[in-house]
Amino acid sequence: MTLTFFDQFSTPYFLGIPLVLISTLTPTLLLPTPNNRWITNRLSTLQLWLINTITKQLMMPLNKPGHKWAIILTSLMLFLLTINLLGLLPYTFTPTTQLSMNMALAFPLWLATLLTGLRNQPTTSLGHLLPEGTPTPLIPALIMIETISLFIRPLALGVRLTANLTAGHLLIQLISTATITLLPIMPAISILTTTILLLLTILEVAVAIIQAYVFVLLLSLYLQENI
């Protein structure tokens, strides 16, 4: 069977059962559970510090009513962060390279922020579709453009996360394949590509963290517009 570079993004199956659910839930096993050493355990202390830092960063652009979303946004951030980072390990599957999964996360949360605004302040939320001082002839066109841009937001969230992670995984696989191929032919060039591969891996770790943060930060900004 001939394999292609894109086979790494196909959902793995075992006895005809898709394993994407297992790969999605596995990161939760890495989180320490509470016990009688909750305060003195270094791993738990580090986890609490990380959660506290993430929550502060996500809640900064939000008003006080938006702080009700702290648990949802922080949990989503940790979920995406662990999945993105674990997906960089060899012989692993990254669920966030699937557009269907990213859209399943982006669309309901975006819709929830939109419905929150329509329920709490319908006039202000609808007012975002028409900037103040718009000339009368341009009103229909601007309303149409703003409506389209509003409905494109969840698509942009999902596609951004999928494209960045997919591109990084493809680059890593291409360079690693070139490194192995060049090793018996040109060892010096192979060492150079190995150095490039190492630097690219470090870059992809940063991309995995940044993309998880950007995904949740944009959701918090959409929420701020509607509260």
N, C-alpha and C. Protein backbone atom coordinates (compact mmCIF):
# COMPACT_ATOMS: atom_id res chain seq x y z
N MET A 1 0.86 -1.20 0.00
CA MET A 1 0.00 0.00 0.00
C MET A 1 0.89 1.25 0.00
N THR A 2 0.62 2.16 -0.91
CA THR A 2 1.41 3.38 -1.03
C THR A 2 0.85 4.44 -0.08
N LEU A 3 1.73 4.99 0.75
CA LEU A 3 1.34 6.02 1.69
C LEU A 3 1.71 7.38 1.16
N THR A 4 0.91 8.37 1.46
CA THR A 4 1.19 9.75 1.08
C THR A 4 1.42 10.58 2.32
N PHE A 5 1.87 11.82 2.11
CA PHE A 5 2.13 12.70 3.24
C PHE A 5 0.85 13.05 4.00
N PHE A 6 -0.29 12.94 3.33
CA PHE A 6 -1.54 13.33 3.96
C PHE A 6 -2.20 12.18 4.73
N ASP A 7 -1.60 11.00 4.67
CA ASP A 7 -2.18 9.87 5.41
C ASP A 7 -2.08 10.07 6.91
N GLN A 8 -1.15 10.90 7.37
CA GLN A 8 -1.02 11.14 8.80
C GLN A 8 -2.22 11.89 9.37
N PHE A 9 -3.01 12.52 8.50
CA PHE A 9 -4.17 13.28 8.95
C PHE A 9 -5.47 12.48 8.90
N SER A 10 -5.40 11.24 8.41
CA SER A 10 -6.60 10.41 8.37
C SER A 10 -6.88 9.83 9.75
N THR A 11 -8.14 9.68 10.08
CA THR A 11 -8.54 9.18 11.40
C THR A 11 -8.13 7.73 11.55
N PRO A 12 -7.39 7.39 12.61
CA PRO A 12 -6.99 5.98 12.80
C PRO A 12 -8.18 5.12 13.21
N TYR A 13 -8.14 3.86 12.77
CA TYR A 13 -9.20 2.90 13.09
C TYR A 13 -8.58 1.64 13.71
N PHE A 14 -9.32 1.03 14.62
CA PHE A 14 -8.91 -0.25 15.20
C PHE A 14 -10.14 -1.16 15.24
N LEU A 15 -10.06 -2.25 14.48
CA LEU A 15 -11.20 -3.16 14.34
C LEU A 15 -12.44 -2.43 13.85
N GLY A 16 -12.22 -1.48 12.94
CA GLY A 16 -13.32 -0.72 12.37
C GLY A 16 -13.87 0.38 13.25
N ILE A 17 -13.25 0.60 14.42
CA ILE A 17 -13.72 1.61 15.36
C ILE A 17 -12.81 2.83 15.27
N PRO A 18 -13.34 4.03 15.00
CA PRO A 18 -12.49 5.22 14.95
C PRO A 18 -11.92 5.55 16.33
N LEU A 19 -10.64 5.84 16.37
CA LEU A 19 -9.95 6.10 17.63
C LEU A 19 -9.84 7.59 17.94
N VAL A 20 -10.54 8.43 17.17
CA VAL A 20 -10.42 9.87 17.39
C VAL A 20 -10.96 10.26 18.77
N LEU A 21 -11.99 9.56 19.25
CA LEU A 21 -12.53 9.87 20.58
C LEU A 21 -11.51 9.58 21.67
N ILE A 22 -10.80 8.46 21.52
CA ILE A 22 -9.78 8.10 22.51
C ILE A 22 -8.64 9.11 22.49
N SER A 23 -8.21 9.49 21.29
CA SER A 23 -7.11 10.46 21.19
C SER A 23 -7.53 11.83 21.68
N THR A 24 -8.83 12.11 21.66
CA THR A 24 -9.31 13.39 22.16
C THR A 24 -9.38 13.41 23.68
N LEU A 25 -9.75 12.28 24.28
CA LEU A 25 -9.92 12.21 25.73
C LEU A 25 -8.64 11.85 26.47
N THR A 26 -7.65 11.31 25.77
CA THR A 26 -6.41 10.90 26.43
C THR A 26 -5.71 12.03 27.18
N PRO A 27 -5.64 13.27 26.63
CA PRO A 27 -4.92 14.33 27.37
C PRO A 27 -5.46 14.58 28.77
N THR A 28 -6.73 14.28 29.01
CA THR A 28 -7.27 14.52 30.35
C THR A 28 -6.64 13.59 31.39
N LEU A 29 -6.08 12.47 30.94
CA LEU A 29 -5.43 11.55 31.87
C LEU A 29 -4.11 12.10 32.40
N LEU A 30 -3.57 13.11 31.70
CA LEU A 30 -2.29 13.69 32.13
C LEU A 30 -2.46 14.71 33.24
N LEU A 31 -3.69 15.16 33.48
CA LEU A 31 -3.92 16.15 34.53
C LEU A 31 -3.97 15.46 35.89
N PRO A 32 -3.23 15.96 36.86
CA PRO A 32 -3.23 15.32 38.19
C PRO A 32 -4.59 15.47 38.87
N THR A 33 -4.96 14.47 39.63
CA THR A 33 -6.22 14.50 40.37
C THR A 33 -6.00 14.98 41.79
N PRO A 34 -6.99 15.60 42.40
CA PRO A 34 -6.82 16.09 43.78
C PRO A 34 -6.56 14.96 44.77
N ASN A 35 -5.72 15.24 45.75
CA ASN A 35 -5.47 14.28 46.82
C ASN A 35 -5.10 15.05 48.08
N ASN A 36 -4.64 14.34 49.10
CA ASN A 36 -4.32 15.01 50.35
C ASN A 36 -3.03 15.82 50.29
N ARG A 37 -2.32 15.73 49.15
CA ARG A 37 -1.12 16.55 48.97
C ARG A 37 -1.36 17.61 47.90
N TRP A 38 -2.55 18.13 47.82
CA TRP A 38 -2.94 19.08 46.76
C TRP A 38 -2.07 20.34 46.79
N ILE A 39 -1.71 20.82 47.97
CA ILE A 39 -0.94 22.06 48.05
C ILE A 39 0.55 21.79 47.90
N THR A 40 1.03 20.68 48.47
CA THR A 40 2.48 20.45 48.51
C THR A 40 3.01 19.73 47.27
N ASN A 41 2.13 19.19 46.46
CA ASN A 41 2.57 18.50 45.26
C ASN A 41 3.03 19.52 44.22
N ARG A 42 4.26 19.39 43.74
CA ARG A 42 4.81 20.37 42.79
C ARG A 42 4.06 20.35 41.47
N LEU A 43 3.67 19.17 40.99
CA LEU A 43 2.95 19.09 39.73
C LEU A 43 1.59 19.77 39.82
N SER A 44 0.88 19.55 40.92
CA SER A 44 -0.41 20.20 41.11
C SER A 44 -0.25 21.71 41.26
N THR A 45 0.80 22.13 41.97
CA THR A 45 1.05 23.56 42.11
C THR A 45 1.34 24.20 40.77
N LEU A 46 2.12 23.52 39.92
CA LEU A 46 2.40 24.03 38.58
C LEU A 46 1.13 24.09 37.74
N GLN A 47 0.28 23.08 37.87
CA GLN A 47 -0.98 23.08 37.13
C GLN A 47 -1.88 24.24 37.57
N LEU A 48 -1.98 24.46 38.86
CA LEU A 48 -2.80 25.57 39.36
C LEU A 48 -2.26 26.91 38.91
N TRP A 49 -0.92 27.05 38.91
CA TRP A 49 -0.32 28.31 38.44
C TRP A 49 -0.62 28.53 36.97
N LEU A 50 -0.52 27.47 36.16
CA LEU A 50 -0.79 27.59 34.72
C LEU A 50 -2.25 27.95 34.47
N ILE A 51 -3.17 27.29 35.16
CA ILE A 51 -4.60 27.59 34.99
C ILE A 51 -4.90 29.03 35.42
N ASN A 52 -4.31 29.46 36.51
CA ASN A 52 -4.52 30.82 37.00
C ASN A 52 -4.01 31.84 36.01
N THR A 53 -2.83 31.59 35.44
CA THR A 53 -2.25 32.52 34.45
C THR A 53 -3.11 32.59 33.20
N ILE A 54 -3.54 31.42 32.69
CA ILE A 54 -4.37 31.39 31.48
C ILE A 54 -5.69 32.11 31.73
N THR A 55 -6.30 31.86 32.87
CA THR A 55 -7.58 32.50 33.18
C THR A 55 -7.44 34.01 33.25
N LYS A 56 -6.37 34.50 33.86
CA LYS A 56 -6.15 35.95 33.94
C LYS A 56 -6.01 36.56 32.55
N GLN A 57 -5.23 35.90 31.68
CA GLN A 57 -5.01 36.43 30.34
C GLN A 57 -6.31 36.46 29.53
N LEU A 58 -7.14 35.42 29.69
CA LEU A 58 -8.37 35.35 28.91
C LEU A 58 -9.44 36.29 29.43
N MET A 59 -9.44 36.57 30.73
CA MET A 59 -10.47 37.42 31.31
C MET A 59 -10.14 38.91 31.25
N MET A 60 -8.89 39.25 30.89
CA MET A 60 -8.50 40.66 30.84
C MET A 60 -9.36 41.50 29.89
N PRO A 61 -9.64 41.03 28.65
CA PRO A 61 -10.45 41.87 27.75
C PRO A 61 -11.95 41.85 28.05
N LEU A 62 -12.40 41.06 29.03
CA LEU A 62 -13.83 40.89 29.28
C LEU A 62 -14.30 41.74 30.45
N ASN A 63 -15.55 42.20 30.34
CA ASN A 63 -16.18 42.85 31.48
C ASN A 63 -16.58 41.80 32.52
N LYS A 64 -17.09 42.29 33.65
CA LYS A 64 -17.42 41.37 34.73
C LYS A 64 -18.47 40.34 34.34
N PRO A 65 -19.53 40.69 33.57
CA PRO A 65 -20.49 39.64 33.17
C PRO A 65 -19.86 38.51 32.36
N GLY A 66 -18.78 38.81 31.63
CA GLY A 66 -18.13 37.79 30.83
C GLY A 66 -17.30 36.81 31.64
N HIS A 67 -17.07 37.12 32.92
CA HIS A 67 -16.28 36.22 33.76
C HIS A 67 -17.01 34.91 34.05
N LYS A 68 -18.31 34.87 33.75
CA LYS A 68 -19.06 33.61 33.91
C LYS A 68 -18.54 32.55 32.94
N TRP A 69 -17.88 33.00 31.87
CA TRP A 69 -17.38 32.08 30.86
C TRP A 69 -15.97 31.59 31.18
N ALA A 70 -15.45 31.91 32.36
CA ALA A 70 -14.05 31.59 32.68
C ALA A 70 -13.78 30.09 32.61
N ILE A 71 -14.68 29.29 33.18
CA ILE A 71 -14.46 27.83 33.19
C ILE A 71 -14.47 27.27 31.78
N ILE A 72 -15.41 27.73 30.95
CA ILE A 72 -15.52 27.22 29.58
C ILE A 72 -14.27 27.58 28.77
N LEU A 73 -13.86 28.84 28.82
CA LEU A 73 -12.73 29.30 28.01
C LEU A 73 -11.42 28.70 28.50
N THR A 74 -11.23 28.62 29.81
CA THR A 74 -9.99 28.03 30.33
C THR A 74 -9.91 26.54 30.02
N SER A 75 -11.02 25.83 30.15
CA SER A 75 -11.04 24.40 29.82
C SER A 75 -10.74 24.18 28.35
N LEU A 76 -11.32 25.02 27.49
CA LEU A 76 -11.07 24.90 26.06
C LEU A 76 -9.60 25.17 25.74
N MET A 77 -9.03 26.17 26.40
CA MET A 77 -7.62 26.49 26.19
C MET A 77 -6.72 25.31 26.57
N LEU A 78 -6.94 24.73 27.73
CA LEU A 78 -6.14 23.58 28.16
C LEU A 78 -6.35 22.37 27.26
N PHE A 79 -7.58 22.19 26.81
CA PHE A 79 -7.90 21.08 25.91
C PHE A 79 -7.13 21.19 24.60
N LEU A 80 -7.20 22.36 23.96
CA LEU A 80 -6.49 22.57 22.70
C LEU A 80 -4.99 22.53 22.89
N LEU A 81 -4.51 23.08 24.00
CA LEU A 81 -3.08 23.12 24.26
C LEU A 81 -2.48 21.71 24.38
N THR A 82 -3.13 20.87 25.16
CA THR A 82 -2.61 19.52 25.35
C THR A 82 -2.70 18.69 24.06
N ILE A 83 -3.79 18.83 23.33
CA ILE A 83 -3.94 18.06 22.08
C ILE A 83 -2.90 18.51 21.05
N ASN A 84 -2.71 19.83 20.92
CA ASN A 84 -1.74 20.33 19.94
C ASN A 84 -0.32 19.88 20.28
N LEU A 85 0.05 19.94 21.55
CA LEU A 85 1.41 19.56 21.94
C LEU A 85 1.63 18.05 21.84
N LEU A 86 0.65 17.26 22.26
CA LEU A 86 0.79 15.81 22.16
C LEU A 86 0.82 15.35 20.71
N GLY A 87 0.20 16.11 19.82
CA GLY A 87 0.22 15.75 18.41
C GLY A 87 1.58 15.89 17.75
N LEU A 88 2.53 16.55 18.42
CA LEU A 88 3.88 16.69 17.88
C LEU A 88 4.75 15.48 18.20
N LEU A 89 4.29 14.58 19.06
CA LEU A 89 5.05 13.38 19.38
C LEU A 89 5.00 12.41 18.20
N PRO A 90 6.04 11.59 18.02
CA PRO A 90 6.03 10.62 16.91
C PRO A 90 4.91 9.59 17.06
N TYR A 91 4.38 9.18 15.92
CA TYR A 91 3.36 8.12 15.85
C TYR A 91 2.11 8.49 16.65
N THR A 92 1.75 9.73 16.62
CA THR A 92 0.52 10.17 17.28
C THR A 92 -0.41 10.80 16.25
N PHE A 93 -1.65 10.95 16.63
CA PHE A 93 -2.67 11.56 15.77
C PHE A 93 -3.15 12.85 16.43
N THR A 94 -3.23 13.91 15.64
CA THR A 94 -3.65 15.21 16.16
C THR A 94 -5.09 15.48 15.73
N PRO A 95 -6.06 15.39 16.63
CA PRO A 95 -7.46 15.62 16.24
C PRO A 95 -7.71 17.03 15.72
N THR A 96 -6.92 18.01 16.18
CA THR A 96 -7.17 19.40 15.76
C THR A 96 -6.69 19.68 14.34
N THR A 97 -6.14 18.69 13.65
CA THR A 97 -5.87 18.86 12.21
C THR A 97 -7.11 18.54 11.38
N GLN A 98 -8.18 18.11 12.02
CA GLN A 98 -9.44 17.81 11.34
C GLN A 98 -10.34 19.05 11.38
N LEU A 99 -10.69 19.55 10.21
CA LEU A 99 -11.55 20.74 10.15
C LEU A 99 -12.90 20.49 10.79
N SER A 100 -13.41 19.27 10.67
CA SER A 100 -14.73 18.96 11.25
C SER A 100 -14.72 19.14 12.76
N MET A 101 -13.64 18.72 13.41
CA MET A 101 -13.58 18.86 14.86
C MET A 101 -13.44 20.33 15.26
N ASN A 102 -12.59 21.06 14.55
CA ASN A 102 -12.40 22.48 14.89
C ASN A 102 -13.68 23.28 14.66
N MET A 103 -14.42 22.94 13.61
CA MET A 103 -15.69 23.63 13.38
C MET A 103 -16.71 23.24 14.45
N ALA A 104 -16.64 21.99 14.92
CA ALA A 104 -17.56 21.56 15.98
C ALA A 104 -17.28 22.29 17.28
N LEU A 105 -16.05 22.77 17.47
CA LEU A 105 -15.73 23.58 18.64
C LEU A 105 -16.06 25.05 18.41
N ALA A 106 -15.75 25.55 17.21
CA ALA A 106 -15.88 26.98 16.94
C ALA A 106 -17.33 27.42 16.78
N PHE A 107 -18.11 26.66 16.01
CA PHE A 107 -19.46 27.14 15.67
C PHE A 107 -20.39 27.24 16.89
N PRO A 108 -20.50 26.20 17.74
CA PRO A 108 -21.42 26.34 18.89
C PRO A 108 -21.02 27.46 19.85
N LEU A 109 -19.71 27.63 20.08
CA LEU A 109 -19.27 28.68 21.01
C LEU A 109 -19.50 30.07 20.41
N TRP A 110 -19.22 30.21 19.10
CA TRP A 110 -19.51 31.49 18.46
C TRP A 110 -21.01 31.78 18.48
N LEU A 111 -21.83 30.78 18.21
CA LEU A 111 -23.28 30.97 18.23
C LEU A 111 -23.76 31.33 19.63
N ALA A 112 -23.13 30.75 20.66
CA ALA A 112 -23.51 31.08 22.03
C ALA A 112 -23.21 32.53 22.35
N THR A 113 -22.05 33.04 21.90
CA THR A 113 -21.74 34.46 22.13
C THR A 113 -22.72 35.36 21.39
N LEU A 114 -23.10 34.96 20.17
CA LEU A 114 -24.04 35.77 19.38
C LEU A 114 -25.41 35.79 20.04
N LEU A 115 -25.90 34.63 20.47
CA LEU A 115 -27.22 34.57 21.10
C LEU A 115 -27.22 35.30 22.45
N THR A 116 -26.09 35.28 23.15
CA THR A 116 -25.99 36.03 24.39
C THR A 116 -26.20 37.52 24.15
N GLY A 117 -25.57 38.04 23.09
CA GLY A 117 -25.75 39.45 22.76
C GLY A 117 -27.15 39.78 22.32
N LEU A 118 -27.76 38.91 21.50
CA LEU A 118 -29.12 39.16 21.04
C LEU A 118 -30.12 39.10 22.19
N ARG A 119 -29.84 38.32 23.21
CA ARG A 119 -30.75 38.21 24.34
C ARG A 119 -30.58 39.39 25.31
N ASN A 120 -29.35 39.76 25.59
CA ASN A 120 -29.09 40.80 26.61
C ASN A 120 -29.18 42.21 26.06
N GLN A 121 -28.66 42.43 24.86
CA GLN A 121 -28.68 43.78 24.27
C GLN A 121 -28.90 43.67 22.76
N PRO A 122 -30.12 43.38 22.35
CA PRO A 122 -30.38 43.16 20.92
C PRO A 122 -30.09 44.38 20.06
N THR A 123 -30.40 45.58 20.57
CA THR A 123 -30.18 46.78 19.77
C THR A 123 -28.70 46.99 19.48
N THR A 124 -27.87 46.85 20.50
CA THR A 124 -26.43 47.04 20.32
C THR A 124 -25.84 45.96 19.41
N SER A 125 -26.28 44.73 19.59
CA SER A 125 -25.75 43.64 18.76
C SER A 125 -26.10 43.83 17.29
N LEU A 126 -27.35 44.21 17.02
CA LEU A 126 -27.75 44.46 15.64
C LEU A 126 -27.11 45.73 15.10
N GLY A 127 -26.79 46.67 16.01
CA GLY A 127 -26.14 47.91 15.58
C GLY A 127 -24.74 47.69 15.04
N HIS A 128 -24.09 46.56 15.38
CA HIS A 128 -22.77 46.26 14.83
C HIS A 128 -22.81 46.01 13.33
N LEU A 129 -24.00 45.70 12.81
CA LEU A 129 -24.12 45.42 11.37
C LEU A 129 -24.11 46.70 10.54
N LEU A 130 -24.29 47.85 11.19
CA LEU A 130 -24.35 49.12 10.45
C LEU A 130 -23.55 50.17 11.21
N PRO A 131 -22.36 50.54 10.72
CA PRO A 131 -21.57 51.57 11.40
C PRO A 131 -22.29 52.91 11.44
N GLU A 132 -22.05 53.66 12.48
CA GLU A 132 -22.71 54.96 12.64
C GLU A 132 -22.21 55.94 11.58
N GLY A 133 -23.12 56.72 11.05
CA GLY A 133 -22.76 57.72 10.05
C GLY A 133 -22.65 57.18 8.65
N THR A 134 -23.19 56.00 8.38
CA THR A 134 -23.11 55.41 7.04
C THR A 134 -24.05 56.15 6.09
N PRO A 135 -23.58 56.54 4.89
CA PRO A 135 -24.48 57.19 3.92
C PRO A 135 -25.64 56.27 3.55
N THR A 136 -26.79 56.86 3.32
CA THR A 136 -28.00 56.07 3.05
C THR A 136 -27.87 55.11 1.87
N PRO A 137 -27.27 55.52 0.74
CA PRO A 137 -27.17 54.57 -0.39
C PRO A 137 -26.33 53.33 -0.09
N LEU A 138 -25.40 53.45 0.88
CA LEU A 138 -24.50 52.33 1.18
C LEU A 138 -25.05 51.40 2.26
N ILE A 139 -26.19 51.75 2.86
CA ILE A 139 -26.71 50.95 3.98
C ILE A 139 -26.98 49.49 3.59
N PRO A 140 -27.69 49.20 2.48
CA PRO A 140 -27.95 47.78 2.15
C PRO A 140 -26.66 46.98 1.92
N ALA A 141 -25.71 47.61 1.20
CA ALA A 141 -24.46 46.89 0.90
C ALA A 141 -23.67 46.63 2.17
N LEU A 142 -23.59 47.62 3.07
CA LEU A 142 -22.81 47.45 4.29
C LEU A 142 -23.44 46.41 5.22
N ILE A 143 -24.76 46.41 5.30
CA ILE A 143 -25.43 45.40 6.13
C ILE A 143 -25.13 44.00 5.61
N MET A 144 -25.15 43.84 4.27
CA MET A 144 -24.85 42.54 3.68
C MET A 144 -23.40 42.13 3.96
N ILE A 145 -22.47 43.07 3.80
CA ILE A 145 -21.05 42.77 4.02
C ILE A 145 -20.79 42.42 5.49
N GLU A 146 -21.36 43.20 6.41
CA GLU A 146 -21.15 42.93 7.84
C GLU A 146 -21.79 41.61 8.26
N THR A 147 -22.93 41.27 7.65
CA THR A 147 -23.57 40.00 7.97
C THR A 147 -22.71 38.83 7.51
N ILE A 148 -22.17 38.96 6.29
CA ILE A 148 -21.30 37.89 5.78
C ILE A 148 -20.05 37.75 6.65
N SER A 149 -19.45 38.87 7.01
CA SER A 149 -18.25 38.81 7.86
C SER A 149 -18.57 38.22 9.24
N LEU A 150 -19.78 38.46 9.72
CA LEU A 150 -20.18 37.89 11.01
C LEU A 150 -20.29 36.37 10.93
N PHE A 151 -20.88 35.86 9.86
CA PHE A 151 -21.07 34.42 9.74
C PHE A 151 -19.79 33.70 9.30
N ILE A 152 -18.79 34.45 8.82
CA ILE A 152 -17.52 33.84 8.44
C ILE A 152 -16.64 33.59 9.66
N ARG A 153 -16.93 34.24 10.78
CA ARG A 153 -16.07 34.14 11.96
C ARG A 153 -15.81 32.71 12.43
N PRO A 154 -16.84 31.86 12.60
CA PRO A 154 -16.54 30.49 13.04
C PRO A 154 -15.73 29.70 12.01
N LEU A 155 -15.99 29.96 10.72
CA LEU A 155 -15.22 29.30 9.68
C LEU A 155 -13.76 29.72 9.74
N ALA A 156 -13.52 31.01 9.99
CA ALA A 156 -12.14 31.50 10.10
C ALA A 156 -11.44 30.89 11.30
N LEU A 157 -12.16 30.72 12.41
CA LEU A 157 -11.57 30.10 13.60
C LEU A 157 -11.12 28.66 13.31
N GLY A 158 -12.01 27.89 12.71
CA GLY A 158 -11.68 26.50 12.42
C GLY A 158 -10.60 26.34 11.38
N VAL A 159 -10.69 27.11 10.29
CA VAL A 159 -9.70 26.98 9.21
C VAL A 159 -8.32 27.45 9.67
N ARG A 160 -8.26 28.52 10.49
CA ARG A 160 -6.96 29.01 10.96
C ARG A 160 -6.23 27.94 11.76
N LEU A 161 -6.94 27.32 12.70
CA LEU A 161 -6.31 26.29 13.53
C LEU A 161 -5.91 25.08 12.70
N THR A 162 -6.80 24.64 11.81
CA THR A 162 -6.50 23.47 10.97
C THR A 162 -5.32 23.73 10.04
N ALA A 163 -5.32 24.88 9.37
CA ALA A 163 -4.27 25.17 8.38
C ALA A 163 -2.90 25.29 9.03
N ASN A 164 -2.81 25.97 10.15
CA ASN A 164 -1.51 26.15 10.79
C ASN A 164 -0.92 24.83 11.28
N LEU A 165 -1.74 24.00 11.91
CA LEU A 165 -1.23 22.72 12.40
C LEU A 165 -0.92 21.76 11.26
N THR A 166 -1.76 21.74 10.23
CA THR A 166 -1.52 20.86 9.09
C THR A 166 -0.24 21.24 8.36
N ALA A 167 -0.03 22.52 8.14
CA ALA A 167 1.18 22.98 7.46
C ALA A 167 2.43 22.61 8.25
N GLY A 168 2.39 22.78 9.56
CA GLY A 168 3.55 22.44 10.38
C GLY A 168 3.86 20.96 10.35
N HIS A 169 2.84 20.12 10.44
CA HIS A 169 3.06 18.67 10.41
C HIS A 169 3.62 18.22 9.05
N LEU A 170 3.12 18.84 7.97
CA LEU A 170 3.62 18.49 6.65
C LEU A 170 5.08 18.88 6.49
N LEU A 171 5.45 20.07 6.96
CA LEU A 171 6.84 20.50 6.87
C LEU A 171 7.77 19.58 7.66
N ILE A 172 7.35 19.20 8.85
CA ILE A 172 8.17 18.29 9.66
C ILE A 172 8.35 16.95 8.94
N GLN A 173 7.29 16.43 8.35
CA GLN A 173 7.40 15.14 7.67
C GLN A 173 8.26 15.25 6.41
N LEU A 174 8.12 16.35 5.66
CA LEU A 174 8.93 16.53 4.45
C LEU A 174 10.42 16.61 4.79
N ILE A 175 10.76 17.41 5.81
CA ILE A 175 12.18 17.58 6.15
C ILE A 175 12.74 16.31 6.77
N SER A 176 11.96 15.61 7.59
CA SER A 176 12.45 14.36 8.17
C SER A 176 12.66 13.30 7.09
N THR A 177 11.77 13.26 6.09
CA THR A 177 11.96 12.32 4.98
C THR A 177 13.21 12.65 4.19
N ALA A 178 13.44 13.95 3.96
CA ALA A 178 14.66 14.36 3.25
C ALA A 178 15.91 14.02 4.05
N THR A 179 15.84 14.16 5.38
CA THR A 179 17.00 13.84 6.23
C THR A 179 17.37 12.37 6.13
N ILE A 180 16.38 11.49 6.19
CA ILE A 180 16.65 10.05 6.11
C ILE A 180 17.15 9.66 4.73
N THR A 181 16.58 10.28 3.69
CA THR A 181 16.99 9.96 2.32
C THR A 181 18.42 10.40 2.04
N LEU A 182 18.82 11.57 2.55
CA LEU A 182 20.15 12.12 2.26
C LEU A 182 21.25 11.54 3.14
N LEU A 183 20.87 10.84 4.22
CA LEU A 183 21.88 10.36 5.17
C LEU A 183 22.93 9.44 4.52
N PRO A 184 22.57 8.43 3.73
CA PRO A 184 23.62 7.59 3.13
C PRO A 184 24.31 8.23 1.93
N ILE A 185 23.68 9.24 1.33
CA ILE A 185 24.24 9.85 0.12
C ILE A 185 25.13 11.04 0.46
N MET A 186 24.57 11.99 1.21
CA MET A 186 25.30 13.21 1.58
C MET A 186 25.13 13.44 3.08
N PRO A 187 25.99 12.86 3.89
CA PRO A 187 25.84 12.99 5.34
C PRO A 187 25.91 14.44 5.84
N ALA A 188 26.72 15.27 5.22
CA ALA A 188 26.85 16.66 5.67
C ALA A 188 25.53 17.41 5.47
N ILE A 189 24.91 17.20 4.31
CA ILE A 189 23.61 17.85 4.05
C ILE A 189 22.55 17.30 4.98
N SER A 190 22.65 16.01 5.29
CA SER A 190 21.69 15.39 6.20
C SER A 190 21.78 15.99 7.60
N ILE A 191 23.00 16.27 8.06
CA ILE A 191 23.17 16.91 9.37
C ILE A 191 22.56 18.31 9.36
N LEU A 192 22.74 19.02 8.24
CA LEU A 192 22.16 20.37 8.12
C LEU A 192 20.64 20.31 8.18
N THR A 193 20.04 19.36 7.46
CA THR A 193 18.57 19.24 7.48
C THR A 193 18.08 18.79 8.86
N THR A 194 18.91 18.01 9.57
CA THR A 194 18.53 17.63 10.94
C THR A 194 18.47 18.84 11.85
N THR A 195 19.42 19.77 11.66
CA THR A 195 19.40 21.01 12.44
C THR A 195 18.16 21.84 12.12
N ILE A 196 17.84 21.90 10.82
CA ILE A 196 16.63 22.63 10.41
C ILE A 196 15.39 21.98 11.00
N LEU A 197 15.37 20.64 11.01
CA LEU A 197 14.23 19.91 11.57
C LEU A 197 14.06 20.20 13.06
N LEU A 198 15.18 20.27 13.78
CA LEU A 198 15.12 20.58 15.21
C LEU A 198 14.56 21.98 15.45
N LEU A 199 15.04 22.95 14.67
CA LEU A 199 14.54 24.32 14.81
C LEU A 199 13.06 24.40 14.43
N LEU A 200 12.67 23.66 13.39
CA LEU A 200 11.27 23.66 12.98
C LEU A 200 10.37 23.04 14.05
N THR A 201 10.87 22.01 14.71
CA THR A 201 10.10 21.38 15.79
C THR A 201 9.86 22.35 16.94
N ILE A 202 10.92 23.12 17.28
CA ILE A 202 10.76 24.13 18.33
C ILE A 202 9.74 25.18 17.90
N LEU A 203 9.81 25.56 16.62
CA LEU A 203 8.83 26.53 16.10
C LEU A 203 7.41 25.97 16.16
N GLU A 204 7.25 24.68 15.86
CA GLU A 204 5.92 24.09 15.88
C GLU A 204 5.36 23.97 17.29
N VAL A 205 6.23 23.80 18.27
CA VAL A 205 5.77 23.83 19.67
C VAL A 205 5.19 25.20 19.99
N ALA A 206 5.89 26.25 19.54
CA ALA A 206 5.39 27.61 19.76
C ALA A 206 4.08 27.84 19.00
N VAL A 207 3.99 27.33 17.78
CA VAL A 207 2.77 27.49 16.98
C VAL A 207 1.60 26.77 17.65
N ALA A 208 1.85 25.58 18.20
CA ALA A 208 0.78 24.83 18.87
C ALA A 208 0.23 25.61 20.06
N ILE A 209 1.13 26.25 20.82
CA ILE A 209 0.69 27.04 21.98
C ILE A 209 -0.04 28.30 21.52
N ILE A 210 0.53 28.99 20.54
CA ILE A 210 -0.04 30.26 20.08
C ILE A 210 -1.41 30.05 19.45
N GLN A 211 -1.56 29.01 18.64
CA GLN A 211 -2.83 28.79 17.96
C GLN A 211 -3.95 28.43 18.94
N ALA A 212 -3.62 27.68 19.98
CA ALA A 212 -4.63 27.40 21.01
C ALA A 212 -5.04 28.69 21.71
N TYR A 213 -4.06 29.54 22.00
CA TYR A 213 -4.36 30.81 22.68
C TYR A 213 -5.16 31.74 21.78
N VAL A 214 -4.79 31.83 20.49
CA VAL A 214 -5.50 32.71 19.56
C VAL A 214 -6.95 32.26 19.38
N PHE A 215 -7.17 30.96 19.28
CA PHE A 215 -8.53 30.42 19.11
C PHE A 215 -9.43 30.87 20.26
N VAL A 216 -8.95 30.70 21.49
CA VAL A 216 -9.77 31.05 22.65
C VAL A 216 -9.84 32.56 22.84
N LEU A 217 -8.75 33.27 22.54
CA LEU A 217 -8.76 34.73 22.69
C LEU A 217 -9.76 35.38 21.74
N LEU A 218 -9.84 34.90 20.51
CA LEU A 218 -10.82 35.45 19.57
C LEU A 218 -12.24 35.17 20.03
N LEU A 219 -12.47 34.01 20.60
CA LEU A 219 -13.80 33.72 21.16
C LEU A 219 -14.13 34.68 22.29
N SER A 220 -13.14 35.00 23.13
CA SER A 220 -13.39 35.94 24.23
C SER A 220 -13.65 37.35 23.70
N LEU A 221 -13.00 37.71 22.60
CA LEU A 221 -13.27 39.03 22.00
C LEU A 221 -14.65 39.08 21.37
N TYR A 222 -15.08 37.99 20.75
CA TYR A 222 -16.44 37.93 20.21
C TYR A 222 -17.45 38.03 21.36
N LEU A 223 -17.13 37.42 22.48
CA LEU A 223 -18.01 37.50 23.64
C LEU A 223 -18.09 38.91 24.18
N GLN A 224 -16.94 39.61 24.18
CA GLN A 224 -16.91 40.98 24.71
C GLN A 224 -17.80 41.91 23.88
N GLU A 225 -17.91 41.64 22.59
CA GLU A 225 -18.76 42.47 21.72
C GLU A 225 -20.25 42.31 22.08
N ASN A 226 -20.59 41.23 22.73
CA ASN A 226 -22.01 40.92 22.94
C ASN A 226 -22.44 40.95 24.40
N ILE A 227 -21.60 41.51 25.28
CA ILE A 227 -22.01 41.60 26.68
C ILE A 227 -21.88 43.03 27.14
